Amino acid sequence: MGTLEFFYRQVPFGCRFERATGMRDPLSSPTLLFENEIAVDVGGECNGYAGCTSMIFDHHFVRDWNFPSAAAA
């Protein structure tokens, strides 16, 4: 079985992602979120809520219910 590698990157406070197709190129804009990426605890959005289709999981936004943490999201 092959090795699965994980990488992480930090984005500035208040970052709003734009959905992008394909795999991340290291030279791409930090605000593009590619198919091989998941954003956690950023952007004030959550996949499946209010039309968000990007893989963003955050718990810092107002709604009728809330996750206790980004990990729970």
C-alpha atoms as a PDB file:
ATOM      1  CA  MET A   1       0.000   0.000   0.000  1.00  0.00           C
ATOM      2  CA  GLY A   2       1.346   3.443  -0.914  1.00  0.00           C
ATOM      3  CA  THR A   3       2.054   6.285   1.454  1.00  0.00           C
ATOM      4  CA  LEU A   4      -0.591   8.950   1.812  1.00  0.00           C
ATOM      5  CA  GLU A   5       0.916  12.387   2.360  1.00  0.00           C
ATOM      6  CA  PHE A   6      -0.851  15.317   4.004  1.00  0.00           C
ATOM      7  CA  PHE A   7       0.119  18.953   3.725  1.00  0.00           C
ATOM      8  CA  TYR A   8      -1.343  21.994   5.385  1.00  0.00           C
ATOM      9  CA  ARG A   9      -1.207  25.696   4.724  1.00  0.00           C
ATOM     10  CA  GLN A  10      -2.384  28.723   6.591  1.00  0.00           C
ATOM     11  CA  VAL A  11      -4.473  31.460   5.052  1.00  0.00           C
ATOM     12  CA  PRO A  12      -5.049  35.014   6.293  1.00  0.00           C
ATOM     13  CA  PHE A  13      -7.854  35.853   8.709  1.00  0.00           C
ATOM     14  CA  GLY A  14     -11.106  36.432   6.839  1.00  0.00           C
ATOM     15  CA  CYS A  15     -10.077  34.415   3.776  1.00  0.00           C
ATOM     16  CA  ARG A  16     -12.936  33.701   1.350  1.00  0.00           C
ATOM     17  CA  PHE A  17     -12.276  30.759  -0.937  1.00  0.00           C
ATOM     18  CA  GLU A  18     -13.190  30.412  -4.577  1.00  0.00           C
ATOM     19  CA  ARG A  19     -13.855  26.873  -5.809  1.00  0.00           C
ATOM     20  CA  ALA A  20     -11.302  25.578  -8.333  1.00  0.00           C
ATOM     21  CA  THR A  21     -11.191  22.378 -10.382  1.00  0.00           C
ATOM     22  CA  GLY A  22      -8.237  20.007 -10.513  1.00  0.00           C
ATOM     23  CA  MET A  23      -5.325  19.643  -8.124  1.00  0.00           C
ATOM     24  CA  ARG A  24      -3.545  22.466  -6.316  1.00  0.00           C
ATOM     25  CA  ASP A  25      -0.554  23.966  -8.028  1.00  0.00           C
ATOM     26  CA  PRO A  26       1.830  25.492  -5.458  1.00  0.00           C
ATOM     27  CA  LEU A  27       1.853  28.710  -7.509  1.00  0.00           C
ATOM     28  CA  SER A  28      -1.953  29.096  -7.368  1.00  0.00           C
ATOM     29  CA  SER A  29      -3.650  31.880  -5.455  1.00  0.00           C
ATOM     30  CA  PRO A  30      -4.095  31.022  -1.759  1.00  0.00           C
ATOM     31  CA  THR A  31      -7.799  31.883  -2.037  1.00  0.00           C
ATOM     32  CA  LEU A  32      -8.486  29.088  -4.538  1.00  0.00           C
ATOM     33  CA  LEU A  33      -9.753  25.830  -2.994  1.00  0.00           C
ATOM     34  CA  PHE A  34      -9.040  22.839  -5.232  1.00  0.00           C
ATOM     35  CA  GLU A  35     -10.670  19.407  -5.458  1.00  0.00           C
ATOM     36  CA  ASN A  36      -7.867  17.809  -3.442  1.00  0.00           C
ATOM     37  CA  GLU A  37      -8.221  20.247  -0.523  1.00  0.00           C
ATOM     38  CA  ILE A  38     -10.389  20.591   2.563  1.00  0.00           C
ATOM     39  CA  ALA A  39     -10.600  23.868   4.488  1.00  0.00           C
ATOM     40  CA  VAL A  40     -11.168  23.656   8.233  1.00  0.00           C
ATOM     41  CA  ASP A  41     -12.057  26.495  10.567  1.00  0.00           C
ATOM     42  CA  VAL A  42     -11.881  29.207   7.923  1.00  0.00           C
ATOM     43  CA  GLY A  43     -14.199  31.391   5.907  1.00  0.00           C
ATOM     44  CA  GLY A  44     -17.284  31.294   8.095  1.00  0.00           C
ATOM     45  CA  GLU A  45     -18.905  28.746   5.774  1.00  0.00           C
ATOM     46  CA  CYS A  46     -19.751  25.059   5.998  1.00  0.00           C
ATOM     47  CA  ASN A  47     -20.273  22.489   3.255  1.00  0.00           C
ATOM     48  CA  GLY A  48     -23.956  21.737   2.811  1.00  0.00           C
ATOM     49  CA  TYR A  49     -25.190  24.857   4.590  1.00  0.00           C
ATOM     50  CA  ALA A  50     -26.690  27.884   2.805  1.00  0.00           C
ATOM     51  CA  GLY A  51     -25.634  26.629  -0.625  1.00  0.00           C
ATOM     52  CA  CYS A  52     -21.940  26.090   0.176  1.00  0.00           C
ATOM     53  CA  THR A  53     -20.592  23.319  -2.072  1.00  0.00           C
ATOM     54  CA  SER A  54     -16.878  23.768  -1.343  1.00  0.00           C
ATOM     55  CA  MET A  55     -15.180  21.442   1.135  1.00  0.00           C
ATOM     56  CA  ILE A  56     -15.157  24.039   3.921  1.00  0.00           C
ATOM     57  CA  PHE A  57     -15.935  23.051   7.500  1.00  0.00           C
ATOM     58  CA  ASP A  58     -16.170  25.933   9.948  1.00  0.00           C
ATOM     59  CA  HIS A  59     -18.093  26.530  13.126  1.00  0.00           C
ATOM     60  CA  HIS A  60     -17.723  30.323  13.334  1.00  0.00           C
ATOM     61  CA  PHE A  61     -20.930  31.526  11.753  1.00  0.00           C
ATOM     62  CA  VAL A  62     -24.492  32.135  12.886  1.00  0.00           C
ATOM     63  CA  ARG A  63     -27.245  29.587  12.259  1.00  0.00           C
ATOM     64  CA  ASP A  64     -29.996  27.806  14.173  1.00  0.00           C
ATOM     65  CA  TRP A  65     -27.525  25.212  15.501  1.00  0.00           C
ATOM     66  CA  ASN A  66     -23.764  25.146  15.697  1.00  0.00           C
ATOM     67  CA  PHE A  67     -20.847  22.724  15.903  1.00  0.00           C
ATOM     68  CA  PRO A  68     -18.827  22.968  19.139  1.00  0.00           C
ATOM     69  CA  SER A  69     -15.548  22.960  17.158  1.00  0.00           C
ATOM     70  CA  ALA A  70     -14.146  22.757  13.648  1.00  0.00           C
ATOM     71  CA  ALA A  71     -13.142  19.138  14.308  1.00  0.00           C
ATOM     72  CA  ALA A  72     -16.769  18.271  15.082  1.00  0.00           C
ATOM     73  CA  ALA A  73     -17.869  19.952  11.834  1.00  0.00           C
END
